[in-house]
């Protein structure tokens, strides 16, 4: 389990060995919604979807989880996670997290930690079905996945 030392103190009521064994992608955020913990499944999911080493390099501890949200849903996630912290109440919602070859439906559950100091976020797979990559359109992927799987070509600088 990768985590900030101070964040570990907030997890004393959790079985960390059990969290490390779960296939669900689990991360923790502090009260500012900055990444503070990952379970091994976080990295396994990234590896299985071609995200390493970029995920490990670009999405380390301290990065805002909201940076991962396309602008069209960023406000929704910010309000939802802030409400879980403020109300000290667990929040769930379903979302799509597909890749070019696999369509996935997931459930995100955000569990508040004591004194509003952060959240433990569990992303559980609901259903996963393979799909033909040839049938894929840009509408099938969120902006972040689209940029990851199909990056825009970089134009070389024009000599002047």
C-alpha atoms as a PDB file:
ATOM      1  CA  UNK A   1       0.000   0.000   0.000  1.00  0.00           C
ATOM      2  CA  UNK A   2       1.426   3.360  -1.049  1.00  0.00           C
ATOM      3  CA  UNK A   3       0.436   6.231   1.249  1.00  0.00           C
ATOM      4  CA  UNK A   4       1.495   9.414   2.955  1.00  0.00           C
ATOM      5  CA  UNK A   5       2.590   8.692   6.509  1.00  0.00           C
ATOM      6  CA  UNK A   6       0.149  11.176   8.097  1.00  0.00           C
ATOM      7  CA  UNK A   7      -2.742   9.712   6.087  1.00  0.00           C
ATOM      8  CA  UNK A   8      -2.024   6.266   7.528  1.00  0.00           C
ATOM      9  CA  UNK A   9      -3.135   7.501  10.959  1.00  0.00           C
ATOM     10  CA  UNK A  10      -6.624   8.084   9.514  1.00  0.00           C
ATOM     11  CA  UNK A  11      -6.884   4.454   8.423  1.00  0.00           C
ATOM     12  CA  UNK A  12      -6.464   2.787  11.821  1.00  0.00           C
ATOM     13  CA  UNK A  13     -10.044   1.470  11.779  1.00  0.00           C
ATOM     14  CA  UNK A  14      -9.462  -0.284   8.421  1.00  0.00           C
ATOM     15  CA  UNK A  15      -7.827  -3.636   7.764  1.00  0.00           C
ATOM     16  CA  UNK A  16      -5.029  -2.402   5.514  1.00  0.00           C
ATOM     17  CA  UNK A  17      -3.986  -5.927   4.529  1.00  0.00           C
ATOM     18  CA  UNK A  18      -7.537  -6.620   3.332  1.00  0.00           C
ATOM     19  CA  UNK A  19      -7.615  -3.337   1.382  1.00  0.00           C
ATOM     20  CA  UNK A  20      -4.310  -4.280  -0.243  1.00  0.00           C
ATOM     21  CA  UNK A  21      -5.741  -7.641  -1.382  1.00  0.00           C
ATOM     22  CA  UNK A  22      -8.976  -6.299  -2.869  1.00  0.00           C
ATOM     23  CA  UNK A  23      -9.230  -6.233  -6.668  1.00  0.00           C
ATOM     24  CA  UNK A  24     -11.081  -2.899  -6.435  1.00  0.00           C
ATOM     25  CA  UNK A  25      -9.077   0.220  -7.229  1.00  0.00           C
ATOM     26  CA  UNK A  26      -8.871   2.080  -3.925  1.00  0.00           C
ATOM     27  CA  UNK A  27      -7.362   5.452  -3.189  1.00  0.00           C
ATOM     28  CA  UNK A  28      -7.474   7.918  -0.342  1.00  0.00           C
ATOM     29  CA  UNK A  29      -7.641  11.687  -0.547  1.00  0.00           C
ATOM     30  CA  UNK A  30      -7.019  14.289   2.116  1.00  0.00           C
ATOM     31  CA  UNK A  31      -9.522  17.059   2.910  1.00  0.00           C
ATOM     32  CA  UNK A  32      -8.170  19.055  -0.065  1.00  0.00           C
ATOM     33  CA  UNK A  33      -8.928  16.090  -2.364  1.00  0.00           C
ATOM     34  CA  UNK A  34      -5.229  15.410  -2.963  1.00  0.00           C
ATOM     35  CA  UNK A  35      -4.177  11.800  -3.464  1.00  0.00           C
ATOM     36  CA  UNK A  36      -2.804  10.396  -0.210  1.00  0.00           C
ATOM     37  CA  UNK A  37      -2.993   6.595  -0.631  1.00  0.00           C
ATOM     38  CA  UNK A  38      -3.274   3.864  -3.281  1.00  0.00           C
ATOM     39  CA  UNK A  39      -3.805   0.138  -2.974  1.00  0.00           C
ATOM     40  CA  UNK A  40      -1.886  -2.231  -5.308  1.00  0.00           C
ATOM     41  CA  UNK A  41      -4.976  -2.605  -7.534  1.00  0.00           C
ATOM     42  CA  UNK A  42      -4.582   1.077  -8.508  1.00  0.00           C
ATOM     43  CA  UNK A  43      -1.298   0.242 -10.228  1.00  0.00           C
ATOM     44  CA  UNK A  44      -2.524  -3.136 -11.519  1.00  0.00           C
ATOM     45  CA  UNK A  45      -5.492  -1.443 -13.239  1.00  0.00           C
ATOM     46  CA  UNK A  46      -3.165   1.136 -14.782  1.00  0.00           C
ATOM     47  CA  UNK A  47      -0.793  -1.591 -15.996  1.00  0.00           C
ATOM     48  CA  UNK A  48      -3.618  -3.694 -17.457  1.00  0.00           C
ATOM     49  CA  UNK A  49      -4.807  -0.670 -19.442  1.00  0.00           C
ATOM     50  CA  UNK A  50      -1.430   0.496 -20.708  1.00  0.00           C
ATOM     51  CA  UNK A  51      -1.136   3.312 -18.175  1.00  0.00           C
ATOM     52  CA  UNK A  52       2.279   2.546 -16.725  1.00  0.00           C
ATOM     53  CA  UNK A  53       4.708   4.174 -16.270  1.00  0.00           C
ATOM     54  CA  UNK A  54       2.691   7.361 -16.951  1.00  0.00           C
ATOM     55  CA  UNK A  55       0.193   6.813 -14.110  1.00  0.00           C
ATOM     56  CA  UNK A  56       2.927   6.190 -11.557  1.00  0.00           C
ATOM     57  CA  UNK A  57       4.871   9.238 -12.761  1.00  0.00           C
ATOM     58  CA  UNK A  58       2.010  11.709 -13.292  1.00  0.00           C
ATOM     59  CA  UNK A  59      -0.523  10.630 -10.660  1.00  0.00           C
ATOM     60  CA  UNK A  60       1.524  10.396  -7.502  1.00  0.00           C
ATOM     61  CA  UNK A  61       0.760  11.317  -3.940  1.00  0.00           C
ATOM     62  CA  UNK A  62      -0.249  14.958  -3.562  1.00  0.00           C
ATOM     63  CA  UNK A  63      -1.910  15.351  -6.975  1.00  0.00           C
ATOM     64  CA  UNK A  64      -5.512  16.598  -6.915  1.00  0.00           C
ATOM     65  CA  UNK A  65      -7.923  13.823  -7.830  1.00  0.00           C
ATOM     66  CA  UNK A  66     -10.004  16.477  -9.600  1.00  0.00           C
ATOM     67  CA  UNK A  67      -7.215  16.872 -12.163  1.00  0.00           C
ATOM     68  CA  UNK A  68      -8.280  13.460 -13.488  1.00  0.00           C
ATOM     69  CA  UNK A  69     -11.805  14.672 -14.201  1.00  0.00           C
ATOM     70  CA  UNK A  70     -12.777  16.009 -17.613  1.00  0.00           C
ATOM     71  CA  UNK A  71     -14.033  19.582 -17.259  1.00  0.00           C
ATOM     72  CA  UNK A  72     -17.607  18.536 -18.038  1.00  0.00           C
ATOM     73  CA  UNK A  73     -17.788  16.419 -14.827  1.00  0.00           C
ATOM     74  CA  UNK A  74     -15.183  18.116 -12.611  1.00  0.00           C
ATOM     75  CA  UNK A  75     -17.755  20.229 -10.752  1.00  0.00           C
ATOM     76  CA  UNK A  76     -19.939  17.164 -10.125  1.00  0.00           C
ATOM     77  CA  UNK A  77     -17.035  15.248  -8.565  1.00  0.00           C
ATOM     78  CA  UNK A  78     -15.873  18.268  -6.564  1.00  0.00           C
ATOM     79  CA  UNK A  79     -19.362  18.799  -5.107  1.00  0.00           C
ATOM     80  CA  UNK A  80     -19.968  15.091  -4.494  1.00  0.00           C
ATOM     81  CA  UNK A  81     -16.680  14.489  -2.688  1.00  0.00           C
ATOM     82  CA  UNK A  82     -16.959  17.756  -0.745  1.00  0.00           C
ATOM     83  CA  UNK A  83     -20.476  16.757   0.367  1.00  0.00           C
ATOM     84  CA  UNK A  84     -19.218  13.393   1.625  1.00  0.00           C
ATOM     85  CA  UNK A  85     -16.608  15.238   3.697  1.00  0.00           C
ATOM     86  CA  UNK A  86     -18.937  17.996   4.929  1.00  0.00           C
ATOM     87  CA  UNK A  87     -21.890  15.752   5.760  1.00  0.00           C
ATOM     88  CA  UNK A  88     -19.709  12.903   7.067  1.00  0.00           C
ATOM     89  CA  UNK A  89     -21.799  10.567   4.931  1.00  0.00           C
ATOM     90  CA  UNK A  90     -20.781   7.886   2.454  1.00  0.00           C
ATOM     91  CA  UNK A  91     -21.614   8.619  -1.210  1.00  0.00           C
ATOM     92  CA  UNK A  92     -22.036   6.240  -4.162  1.00  0.00           C
ATOM     93  CA  UNK A  93     -22.449   6.741  -7.869  1.00  0.00           C
ATOM     94  CA  UNK A  94     -21.962   4.701 -11.014  1.00  0.00           C
ATOM     95  CA  UNK A  95     -19.837   5.738 -13.968  1.00  0.00           C
ATOM     96  CA  UNK A  96     -18.296   4.392 -17.152  1.00  0.00           C
ATOM     97  CA  UNK A  97     -14.564   3.685 -17.297  1.00  0.00           C
ATOM     98  CA  UNK A  98     -14.014   2.049 -20.679  1.00  0.00           C
ATOM     99  CA  UNK A  99     -10.870   1.442 -22.672  1.00  0.00           C
ATOM    100  CA  UNK A 100     -10.642   0.813 -26.416  1.00  0.00           C
ATOM    101  CA  UNK A 101     -11.107  -2.943 -26.019  1.00  0.00           C
ATOM    102  CA  UNK A 102     -13.281  -3.147 -22.892  1.00  0.00           C
ATOM    103  CA  UNK A 103     -16.508  -1.444 -21.833  1.00  0.00           C
ATOM    104  CA  UNK A 104     -16.707  -1.047 -18.043  1.00  0.00           C
ATOM    105  CA  UNK A 105     -19.385   0.119 -15.648  1.00  0.00           C
ATOM    106  CA  UNK A 106     -18.001   0.998 -12.203  1.00  0.00           C
ATOM    107  CA  UNK A 107     -19.307   2.104  -8.808  1.00  0.00           C
ATOM    108  CA  UNK A 108     -17.441   4.737  -6.836  1.00  0.00           C
ATOM    109  CA  UNK A 109     -18.021   4.719  -3.088  1.00  0.00           C
ATOM    110  CA  UNK A 110     -16.499   7.542  -1.035  1.00  0.00           C
ATOM    111  CA  UNK A 111     -16.207   6.863   2.702  1.00  0.00           C
ATOM    112  CA  UNK A 112     -15.446   9.832   4.973  1.00  0.00           C
ATOM    113  CA  UNK A 113     -12.579   9.476   7.426  1.00  0.00           C
ATOM    114  CA  UNK A 114     -12.716  10.855  10.945  1.00  0.00           C
ATOM    115  CA  UNK A 115     -13.000  14.583  11.545  1.00  0.00           C
ATOM    116  CA  UNK A 116     -13.478  15.317   7.834  1.00  0.00           C
ATOM    117  CA  UNK A 117      -9.760  14.724   7.271  1.00  0.00           C
ATOM    118  CA  UNK A 118     -10.214  12.807   4.036  1.00  0.00           C
ATOM    119  CA  UNK A 119     -11.991  10.090   2.113  1.00  0.00           C
ATOM    120  CA  UNK A 120     -11.339   6.468   1.275  1.00  0.00           C
ATOM    121  CA  UNK A 121     -12.601   5.934  -2.285  1.00  0.00           C
ATOM    122  CA  UNK A 122     -13.410   2.457  -3.601  1.00  0.00           C
ATOM    123  CA  UNK A 123     -13.949   1.944  -7.342  1.00  0.00           C
ATOM    124  CA  UNK A 124     -15.646  -1.423  -7.830  1.00  0.00           C
ATOM    125  CA  UNK A 125     -16.277  -3.128 -11.142  1.00  0.00           C
ATOM    126  CA  UNK A 126     -19.981  -3.723 -11.847  1.00  0.00           C
ATOM    127  CA  UNK A 127     -19.701  -5.190 -15.339  1.00  0.00           C
ATOM    128  CA  UNK A 128     -16.988  -5.552 -17.939  1.00  0.00           C
ATOM    129  CA  UNK A 129     -17.566  -6.611 -21.550  1.00  0.00           C
ATOM    130  CA  UNK A 130     -15.077  -6.856 -24.408  1.00  0.00           C
ATOM    131  CA  UNK A 131     -15.796  -4.875 -27.541  1.00  0.00           C
ATOM    132  CA  UNK A 132     -14.391  -4.676 -31.023  1.00  0.00           C
ATOM    133  CA  UNK A 133     -11.892  -1.831 -31.192  1.00  0.00           C
ATOM    134  CA  UNK A 134     -12.870  -1.209 -34.816  1.00  0.00           C
ATOM    135  CA  UNK A 135     -16.373  -0.221 -33.692  1.00  0.00           C
ATOM    136  CA  UNK A 136     -15.058   2.322 -31.189  1.00  0.00           C
ATOM    137  CA  UNK A 137     -15.862   5.999 -31.697  1.00  0.00           C
ATOM    138  CA  UNK A 138     -14.520   8.978 -29.804  1.00  0.00           C
ATOM    139  CA  UNK A 139     -17.891   9.235 -28.033  1.00  0.00           C
ATOM    140  CA  UNK A 140     -17.157   5.934 -26.283  1.00  0.00           C
ATOM    141  CA  UNK A 141     -14.335   7.340 -24.141  1.00  0.00           C
ATOM    142  CA  UNK A 142     -14.134  10.187 -21.647  1.00  0.00           C
ATOM    143  CA  UNK A 143     -11.815  13.084 -22.507  1.00  0.00           C
ATOM    144  CA  UNK A 144      -8.982  11.767 -20.351  1.00  0.00           C
ATOM    145  CA  UNK A 145      -9.168   8.254 -21.782  1.00  0.00           C
ATOM    146  CA  UNK A 146      -9.477   9.658 -25.289  1.00  0.00           C
ATOM    147  CA  UNK A 147      -6.314  11.740 -24.811  1.00  0.00           C
ATOM    148  CA  UNK A 148      -4.514   8.747 -23.302  1.00  0.00           C
ATOM    149  CA  UNK A 149      -5.439   6.143 -25.905  1.00  0.00           C
ATOM    150  CA  UNK A 150      -5.515   8.467 -28.923  1.00  0.00           C
ATOM    151  CA  UNK A 151      -3.185  11.407 -28.238  1.00  0.00           C
ATOM    152  CA  UNK A 152      -3.323  14.304 -30.663  1.00  0.00           C
ATOM    153  CA  UNK A 153      -0.266  14.429 -32.893  1.00  0.00           C
ATOM    154  CA  UNK A 154       2.309  16.969 -31.817  1.00  0.00           C
ATOM    155  CA  UNK A 155       3.169  19.412 -34.567  1.00  0.00           C
ATOM    156  CA  UNK A 156       6.897  20.057 -34.939  1.00  0.00           C
ATOM    157  CA  UNK A 157       7.879  23.689 -34.395  1.00  0.00           C
ATOM    158  CA  UNK A 158       7.998  25.769 -37.546  1.00  0.00           C
ATOM    159  CA  UNK A 159      11.457  27.118 -38.250  1.00  0.00           C
ATOM    160  CA  UNK A 160      11.318  30.808 -38.804  1.00  0.00           C
END
